[in-house]
């Protein structure tokens, strides 16, 4: 088996650790310092795609839909969102780490078929929270895959997104019937209660890391009522 070739490193702001991008043949891996195992692998992305498919399912026939993707990663969620949306849609992807954007513009982008090149895509270089608190922003779907789920491991600031205050800000940003979809490494019953207290209609889906096998991940689906 061929060895891994290191392609780049990136420091996560505020002491979140170091990301390392490596390649072996056609396989890519991103690891986080201090965390055992891989953070992402280009061969394991079924649940990331499910996040977009479930979060955008209500928009397949919509005109001028606006979608926010929090976290670029390896681009699989963004690509799945673009595939689920009509040509009139506009998708903003927020990525905190500049190197991750550059990796997706380079060799890593081939994994997800270079979604950053899609004319419907706009990149926001910075924290996804900046898009959520902007007075002029409103979205039909918000897809969050910025960490390990409701309890962040790479960025303590991510915890704001899942707090009562963060969920309230997201609720105000969503249009009526808008969907908040959140990827999580596991199920969290207390987070479901928090979402319901924030007035969302909540369902959850369990999705395997690979089709029919692999780790079981949770997609939280929180929809804003029409009234």
C-alpha atoms as a PDB file:
ATOM      1  CA  UNK A   1       0.000   0.000   0.000  1.00  0.00           C
ATOM      2  CA  UNK A   2       1.324   3.430  -0.923  1.00  0.00           C
ATOM      3  CA  UNK A   3       2.222   5.818   1.922  1.00  0.00           C
ATOM      4  CA  UNK A   4       0.285   8.962   2.773  1.00  0.00           C
ATOM      5  CA  UNK A   5       1.625  12.178   1.257  1.00  0.00           C
ATOM      6  CA  UNK A   6       1.130  15.324   3.343  1.00  0.00           C
ATOM      7  CA  UNK A   7      -0.354  18.113   1.192  1.00  0.00           C
ATOM      8  CA  UNK A   8      -0.882  20.850   3.720  1.00  0.00           C
ATOM      9  CA  UNK A   9      -1.527  21.959   7.288  1.00  0.00           C
ATOM     10  CA  UNK A  10      -3.826  24.608   8.740  1.00  0.00           C
ATOM     11  CA  UNK A  11      -4.177  26.125  12.186  1.00  0.00           C
ATOM     12  CA  UNK A  12      -7.705  26.387  13.537  1.00  0.00           C
ATOM     13  CA  UNK A  13      -8.258  29.844  15.087  1.00  0.00           C
ATOM     14  CA  UNK A  14      -8.408  30.331  18.851  1.00  0.00           C
ATOM     15  CA  UNK A  15      -6.302  27.305  19.657  1.00  0.00           C
ATOM     16  CA  UNK A  16      -8.577  24.750  18.015  1.00  0.00           C
ATOM     17  CA  UNK A  17      -5.655  22.600  16.886  1.00  0.00           C
ATOM     18  CA  UNK A  18      -3.941  21.759  13.620  1.00  0.00           C
ATOM     19  CA  UNK A  19      -5.547  20.221  10.547  1.00  0.00           C
ATOM     20  CA  UNK A  20      -3.430  18.057   8.260  1.00  0.00           C
ATOM     21  CA  UNK A  21      -4.469  17.181   4.696  1.00  0.00           C
ATOM     22  CA  UNK A  22      -2.916  14.022   3.247  1.00  0.00           C
ATOM     23  CA  UNK A  23      -3.351  12.017   0.045  1.00  0.00           C
ATOM     24  CA  UNK A  24      -2.785   8.367  -0.813  1.00  0.00           C
ATOM     25  CA  UNK A  25      -3.509   7.497  -4.438  1.00  0.00           C
ATOM     26  CA  UNK A  26      -7.030   8.919  -5.002  1.00  0.00           C
ATOM     27  CA  UNK A  27      -7.921   8.974  -1.303  1.00  0.00           C
ATOM     28  CA  UNK A  28      -7.758  12.106   0.867  1.00  0.00           C
ATOM     29  CA  UNK A  29      -7.690  12.398   4.635  1.00  0.00           C
ATOM     30  CA  UNK A  30      -7.979  15.304   7.066  1.00  0.00           C
ATOM     31  CA  UNK A  31      -6.799  14.789  10.636  1.00  0.00           C
ATOM     32  CA  UNK A  32      -7.016  16.998  13.696  1.00  0.00           C
ATOM     33  CA  UNK A  33      -4.178  17.156  16.166  1.00  0.00           C
ATOM     34  CA  UNK A  34      -5.035  15.614  19.519  1.00  0.00           C
ATOM     35  CA  UNK A  35      -7.932  13.571  18.119  1.00  0.00           C
ATOM     36  CA  UNK A  36      -7.535   9.869  17.498  1.00  0.00           C
ATOM     37  CA  UNK A  37      -8.438   8.761  13.990  1.00  0.00           C
ATOM     38  CA  UNK A  38      -9.488  10.815  10.996  1.00  0.00           C
ATOM     39  CA  UNK A  39     -11.685  13.875  11.060  1.00  0.00           C
ATOM     40  CA  UNK A  40     -12.680  13.330   7.402  1.00  0.00           C
ATOM     41  CA  UNK A  41     -11.948  10.830   4.650  1.00  0.00           C
ATOM     42  CA  UNK A  42     -12.913  11.155   0.998  1.00  0.00           C
ATOM     43  CA  UNK A  43     -14.203   7.561   0.976  1.00  0.00           C
ATOM     44  CA  UNK A  44     -16.688   8.191   3.802  1.00  0.00           C
ATOM     45  CA  UNK A  45     -19.267  10.865   3.020  1.00  0.00           C
ATOM     46  CA  UNK A  46     -22.741   9.324   2.856  1.00  0.00           C
ATOM     47  CA  UNK A  47     -24.052  11.150   5.937  1.00  0.00           C
ATOM     48  CA  UNK A  48     -22.652  14.489   4.761  1.00  0.00           C
ATOM     49  CA  UNK A  49     -24.578  14.081   1.508  1.00  0.00           C
ATOM     50  CA  UNK A  50     -27.690  13.041   3.436  1.00  0.00           C
ATOM     51  CA  UNK A  51     -27.452  16.277   5.421  1.00  0.00           C
ATOM     52  CA  UNK A  52     -27.930  18.269   2.219  1.00  0.00           C
ATOM     53  CA  UNK A  53     -30.494  15.951   0.648  1.00  0.00           C
ATOM     54  CA  UNK A  54     -32.711  15.985   3.745  1.00  0.00           C
ATOM     55  CA  UNK A  55     -32.192  19.670   4.440  1.00  0.00           C
ATOM     56  CA  UNK A  56     -33.032  20.736   0.874  1.00  0.00           C
ATOM     57  CA  UNK A  57     -35.784  18.206   0.103  1.00  0.00           C
ATOM     58  CA  UNK A  58     -38.482  20.873   0.409  1.00  0.00           C
ATOM     59  CA  UNK A  59     -36.743  23.133  -2.139  1.00  0.00           C
ATOM     60  CA  UNK A  60     -36.468  20.930  -5.239  1.00  0.00           C
ATOM     61  CA  UNK A  61     -39.156  22.931  -7.066  1.00  0.00           C
ATOM     62  CA  UNK A  62     -38.550  26.308  -5.420  1.00  0.00           C
ATOM     63  CA  UNK A  63     -37.531  29.422  -7.318  1.00  0.00           C
ATOM     64  CA  UNK A  64     -34.635  31.553  -6.102  1.00  0.00           C
ATOM     65  CA  UNK A  65     -34.044  29.437  -3.018  1.00  0.00           C
ATOM     66  CA  UNK A  66     -31.277  30.635  -0.708  1.00  0.00           C
ATOM     67  CA  UNK A  67     -29.229  28.081   1.191  1.00  0.00           C
ATOM     68  CA  UNK A  68     -26.429  28.463   3.716  1.00  0.00           C
ATOM     69  CA  UNK A  69     -23.899  25.671   4.208  1.00  0.00           C
ATOM     70  CA  UNK A  70     -21.858  25.961   7.387  1.00  0.00           C
ATOM     71  CA  UNK A  71     -18.534  24.201   6.917  1.00  0.00           C
ATOM     72  CA  UNK A  72     -16.941  23.310   3.578  1.00  0.00           C
ATOM     73  CA  UNK A  73     -15.015  20.223   4.659  1.00  0.00           C
ATOM     74  CA  UNK A  74     -14.268  18.111   1.603  1.00  0.00           C
ATOM     75  CA  UNK A  75     -17.141  19.644  -0.354  1.00  0.00           C
ATOM     76  CA  UNK A  76     -19.551  16.707  -0.289  1.00  0.00           C
ATOM     77  CA  UNK A  77     -22.373  18.528   1.523  1.00  0.00           C
ATOM     78  CA  UNK A  78     -22.088  21.496  -0.824  1.00  0.00           C
ATOM     79  CA  UNK A  79     -22.162  19.289  -3.919  1.00  0.00           C
ATOM     80  CA  UNK A  80     -25.203  17.369  -2.660  1.00  0.00           C
ATOM     81  CA  UNK A  81     -27.022  20.648  -1.974  1.00  0.00           C
ATOM     82  CA  UNK A  82     -26.276  21.934  -5.467  1.00  0.00           C
ATOM     83  CA  UNK A  83     -27.523  18.684  -6.969  1.00  0.00           C
ATOM     84  CA  UNK A  84     -30.764  18.915  -4.989  1.00  0.00           C
ATOM     85  CA  UNK A  85     -31.477  22.543  -5.909  1.00  0.00           C
ATOM     86  CA  UNK A  86     -32.747  24.140  -9.131  1.00  0.00           C
ATOM     87  CA  UNK A  87     -30.595  26.420 -11.271  1.00  0.00           C
ATOM     88  CA  UNK A  88     -32.125  29.561  -9.766  1.00  0.00           C
ATOM     89  CA  UNK A  89     -30.847  28.738  -6.268  1.00  0.00           C
ATOM     90  CA  UNK A  90     -27.989  30.534  -4.571  1.00  0.00           C
ATOM     91  CA  UNK A  91     -25.798  28.744  -2.052  1.00  0.00           C
ATOM     92  CA  UNK A  92     -23.460  30.436   0.407  1.00  0.00           C
ATOM     93  CA  UNK A  93     -20.819  28.216   1.995  1.00  0.00           C
ATOM     94  CA  UNK A  94     -19.142  29.616   5.106  1.00  0.00           C
ATOM     95  CA  UNK A  95     -15.665  28.316   5.920  1.00  0.00           C
ATOM     96  CA  UNK A  96     -13.591  29.648   8.794  1.00  0.00           C
ATOM     97  CA  UNK A  97     -10.222  28.261   7.696  1.00  0.00           C
ATOM     98  CA  UNK A  98      -8.719  29.794   4.520  1.00  0.00           C
ATOM     99  CA  UNK A  99      -6.567  26.743   3.787  1.00  0.00           C
ATOM    100  CA  UNK A 100      -9.647  24.509   3.584  1.00  0.00           C
ATOM    101  CA  UNK A 101     -11.016  26.718   0.819  1.00  0.00           C
ATOM    102  CA  UNK A 102      -7.681  26.567  -1.008  1.00  0.00           C
ATOM    103  CA  UNK A 103      -7.547  22.767  -0.662  1.00  0.00           C
ATOM    104  CA  UNK A 104     -11.002  22.512  -2.235  1.00  0.00           C
ATOM    105  CA  UNK A 105      -9.944  24.801  -5.053  1.00  0.00           C
ATOM    106  CA  UNK A 106      -6.961  22.499  -5.647  1.00  0.00           C
ATOM    107  CA  UNK A 107      -6.465  18.751  -5.652  1.00  0.00           C
ATOM    108  CA  UNK A 108      -9.040  18.022  -2.932  1.00  0.00           C
ATOM    109  CA  UNK A 109     -11.807  19.597  -5.016  1.00  0.00           C
ATOM    110  CA  UNK A 110     -11.860  16.646  -7.398  1.00  0.00           C
ATOM    111  CA  UNK A 111     -13.405  14.437  -4.680  1.00  0.00           C
ATOM    112  CA  UNK A 112     -16.723  16.307  -4.781  1.00  0.00           C
ATOM    113  CA  UNK A 113     -16.459  17.466  -8.404  1.00  0.00           C
ATOM    114  CA  UNK A 114     -15.298  21.019  -7.605  1.00  0.00           C
ATOM    115  CA  UNK A 115     -18.516  22.517  -6.171  1.00  0.00           C
ATOM    116  CA  UNK A 116     -16.791  25.872  -5.642  1.00  0.00           C
ATOM    117  CA  UNK A 117     -16.730  26.288  -9.415  1.00  0.00           C
ATOM    118  CA  UNK A 118     -20.526  26.128  -9.615  1.00  0.00           C
ATOM    119  CA  UNK A 119     -21.913  29.567 -10.545  1.00  0.00           C
ATOM    120  CA  UNK A 120     -24.564  29.251  -7.831  1.00  0.00           C
ATOM    121  CA  UNK A 121     -21.905  29.043  -5.108  1.00  0.00           C
ATOM    122  CA  UNK A 122     -20.663  31.976  -3.047  1.00  0.00           C
ATOM    123  CA  UNK A 123     -17.897  31.538  -0.470  1.00  0.00           C
ATOM    124  CA  UNK A 124     -18.003  33.416   2.823  1.00  0.00           C
ATOM    125  CA  UNK A 125     -14.522  33.310   4.322  1.00  0.00           C
ATOM    126  CA  UNK A 126     -15.233  33.442   8.038  1.00  0.00           C
ATOM    127  CA  UNK A 127     -17.454  32.154  10.803  1.00  0.00           C
ATOM    128  CA  UNK A 128     -20.890  30.904   9.746  1.00  0.00           C
ATOM    129  CA  UNK A 129     -22.324  32.889  12.658  1.00  0.00           C
ATOM    130  CA  UNK A 130     -21.492  36.074  10.737  1.00  0.00           C
ATOM    131  CA  UNK A 131     -23.993  35.027   8.062  1.00  0.00           C
ATOM    132  CA  UNK A 132     -26.617  34.170  10.644  1.00  0.00           C
ATOM    133  CA  UNK A 133     -26.579  37.491  12.465  1.00  0.00           C
ATOM    134  CA  UNK A 134     -26.468  39.691   9.361  1.00  0.00           C
ATOM    135  CA  UNK A 135     -29.677  41.713   9.275  1.00  0.00           C
ATOM    136  CA  UNK A 136     -30.015  41.346   5.502  1.00  0.00           C
ATOM    137  CA  UNK A 137     -29.712  37.532   5.483  1.00  0.00           C
ATOM    138  CA  UNK A 138     -32.611  35.132   5.115  1.00  0.00           C
ATOM    139  CA  UNK A 139     -32.411  31.505   4.073  1.00  0.00           C
ATOM    140  CA  UNK A 140     -34.734  28.688   3.018  1.00  0.00           C
ATOM    141  CA  UNK A 141     -32.325  26.084   4.388  1.00  0.00           C
ATOM    142  CA  UNK A 142     -29.313  26.153   6.692  1.00  0.00           C
ATOM    143  CA  UNK A 143     -27.050  23.099   6.706  1.00  0.00           C
ATOM    144  CA  UNK A 144     -24.549  22.921   9.555  1.00  0.00           C
ATOM    145  CA  UNK A 145     -21.578  20.566   9.545  1.00  0.00           C
ATOM    146  CA  UNK A 146     -19.062  22.736  11.348  1.00  0.00           C
ATOM    147  CA  UNK A 147     -17.971  20.321  14.060  1.00  0.00           C
ATOM    148  CA  UNK A 148     -18.853  17.040  15.758  1.00  0.00           C
ATOM    149  CA  UNK A 149     -22.449  18.091  16.308  1.00  0.00           C
ATOM    150  CA  UNK A 150     -24.185  19.988  19.149  1.00  0.00           C
ATOM    151  CA  UNK A 151     -21.045  19.746  21.263  1.00  0.00           C
ATOM    152  CA  UNK A 152     -18.107  21.142  19.291  1.00  0.00           C
ATOM    153  CA  UNK A 153     -14.612  19.684  19.540  1.00  0.00           C
ATOM    154  CA  UNK A 154     -12.585  21.924  17.207  1.00  0.00           C
ATOM    155  CA  UNK A 155     -14.044  25.332  18.027  1.00  0.00           C
ATOM    156  CA  UNK A 156     -15.587  26.337  21.349  1.00  0.00           C
ATOM    157  CA  UNK A 157     -17.238  29.219  19.514  1.00  0.00           C
ATOM    158  CA  UNK A 158     -19.288  26.645  17.590  1.00  0.00           C
ATOM    159  CA  UNK A 159     -21.185  25.891  20.795  1.00  0.00           C
ATOM    160  CA  UNK A 160     -23.005  29.226  20.341  1.00  0.00           C
ATOM    161  CA  UNK A 161     -24.746  27.818  17.273  1.00  0.00           C
ATOM    162  CA  UNK A 162     -26.400  25.130  19.386  1.00  0.00           C
ATOM    163  CA  UNK A 163     -27.220  27.329  22.372  1.00  0.00           C
ATOM    164  CA  UNK A 164     -30.658  28.791  23.005  1.00  0.00           C
ATOM    165  CA  UNK A 165     -29.380  32.175  21.779  1.00  0.00           C
ATOM    166  CA  UNK A 166     -27.865  30.702  18.627  1.00  0.00           C
ATOM    167  CA  UNK A 167     -30.945  28.666  17.768  1.00  0.00           C
ATOM    168  CA  UNK A 168     -33.091  31.778  18.240  1.00  0.00           C
ATOM    169  CA  UNK A 169     -30.858  33.749  15.850  1.00  0.00           C
ATOM    170  CA  UNK A 170     -31.074  30.959  13.281  1.00  0.00           C
ATOM    171  CA  UNK A 171     -34.867  30.813  13.693  1.00  0.00           C
ATOM    172  CA  UNK A 172     -35.109  34.526  12.879  1.00  0.00           C
ATOM    173  CA  UNK A 173     -32.855  34.077   9.840  1.00  0.00           C
ATOM    174  CA  UNK A 174     -34.927  31.249   8.363  1.00  0.00           C
ATOM    175  CA  UNK A 175     -37.846  31.994   6.094  1.00  0.00           C
ATOM    176  CA  UNK A 176     -41.224  30.401   6.938  1.00  0.00           C
ATOM    177  CA  UNK A 177     -41.028  26.621   6.354  1.00  0.00           C
ATOM    178  CA  UNK A 178     -37.243  26.988   6.289  1.00  0.00           C
ATOM    179  CA  UNK A 179     -35.183  24.019   7.416  1.00  0.00           C
ATOM    180  CA  UNK A 180     -32.242  23.870   9.796  1.00  0.00           C
ATOM    181  CA  UNK A 181     -30.339  20.613   9.266  1.00  0.00           C
ATOM    182  CA  UNK A 182     -27.457  19.671  11.555  1.00  0.00           C
ATOM    183  CA  UNK A 183     -24.949  16.842  11.179  1.00  0.00           C
ATOM    184  CA  UNK A 184     -23.951  15.096  14.395  1.00  0.00           C
ATOM    185  CA  UNK A 185     -21.723  12.165  15.253  1.00  0.00           C
ATOM    186  CA  UNK A 186     -24.491  10.876  17.537  1.00  0.00           C
ATOM    187  CA  UNK A 187     -27.968  11.438  18.936  1.00  0.00           C
ATOM    188  CA  UNK A 188     -28.475  14.006  21.696  1.00  0.00           C
ATOM    189  CA  UNK A 189     -31.941  13.970  23.324  1.00  0.00           C
ATOM    190  CA  UNK A 190     -31.266  17.184  25.233  1.00  0.00           C
ATOM    191  CA  UNK A 191     -30.556  18.984  21.980  1.00  0.00           C
ATOM    192  CA  UNK A 192     -33.927  17.852  20.622  1.00  0.00           C
ATOM    193  CA  UNK A 193     -35.565  19.435  23.671  1.00  0.00           C
ATOM    194  CA  UNK A 194     -33.586  22.638  23.103  1.00  0.00           C
ATOM    195  CA  UNK A 195     -34.723  22.798  19.471  1.00  0.00           C
ATOM    196  CA  UNK A 196     -38.362  22.321  20.457  1.00  0.00           C
ATOM    197  CA  UNK A 197     -38.084  25.051  23.081  1.00  0.00           C
ATOM    198  CA  UNK A 198     -36.809  27.313  20.298  1.00  0.00           C
ATOM    199  CA  UNK A 199     -40.141  26.633  18.471  1.00  0.00           C
ATOM    200  CA  UNK A 200     -38.848  24.344  15.712  1.00  0.00           C
ATOM    201  CA  UNK A 201     -40.728  21.294  14.456  1.00  0.00           C
ATOM    202  CA  UNK A 202     -38.130  18.570  15.007  1.00  0.00           C
ATOM    203  CA  UNK A 203     -37.391  15.179  13.483  1.00  0.00           C
ATOM    204  CA  UNK A 204     -34.177  13.153  13.413  1.00  0.00           C
ATOM    205  CA  UNK A 205     -32.702  10.688  10.958  1.00  0.00           C
ATOM    206  CA  UNK A 206     -30.019   8.074  11.543  1.00  0.00           C
ATOM    207  CA  UNK A 207     -27.677   7.744   8.562  1.00  0.00           C
ATOM    208  CA  UNK A 208     -24.721   5.412   8.049  1.00  0.00           C
ATOM    209  CA  UNK A 209     -21.290   6.829   7.229  1.00  0.00           C
ATOM    210  CA  UNK A 210     -21.276   4.670   4.109  1.00  0.00           C
ATOM    211  CA  UNK A 211     -24.330   3.336   2.265  1.00  0.00           C
ATOM    212  CA  UNK A 212     -25.566   0.440   4.387  1.00  0.00           C
ATOM    213  CA  UNK A 213     -22.532   0.261   6.686  1.00  0.00           C
ATOM    214  CA  UNK A 214     -20.169   2.218   8.865  1.00  0.00           C
ATOM    215  CA  UNK A 215     -20.799   4.470  11.852  1.00  0.00           C
ATOM    216  CA  UNK A 216     -24.305   5.703  12.563  1.00  0.00           C
ATOM    217  CA  UNK A 217     -24.622   9.485  12.442  1.00  0.00           C
ATOM    218  CA  UNK A 218     -27.596  11.686  13.280  1.00  0.00           C
ATOM    219  CA  UNK A 219     -29.185  14.405  11.161  1.00  0.00           C
ATOM    220  CA  UNK A 220     -31.297  16.823  13.205  1.00  0.00           C
ATOM    221  CA  UNK A 221     -34.042  18.393  11.070  1.00  0.00           C
ATOM    222  CA  UNK A 222     -35.615  21.486  12.599  1.00  0.00           C
ATOM    223  CA  UNK A 223     -38.211  23.281  10.491  1.00  0.00           C
ATOM    224  CA  UNK A 224     -39.565  26.763  11.147  1.00  0.00           C
ATOM    225  CA  UNK A 225     -43.381  26.769  11.150  1.00  0.00           C
ATOM    226  CA  UNK A 226     -45.104  28.843   8.523  1.00  0.00           C
ATOM    227  CA  UNK A 227     -46.762  31.132  11.061  1.00  0.00           C
END
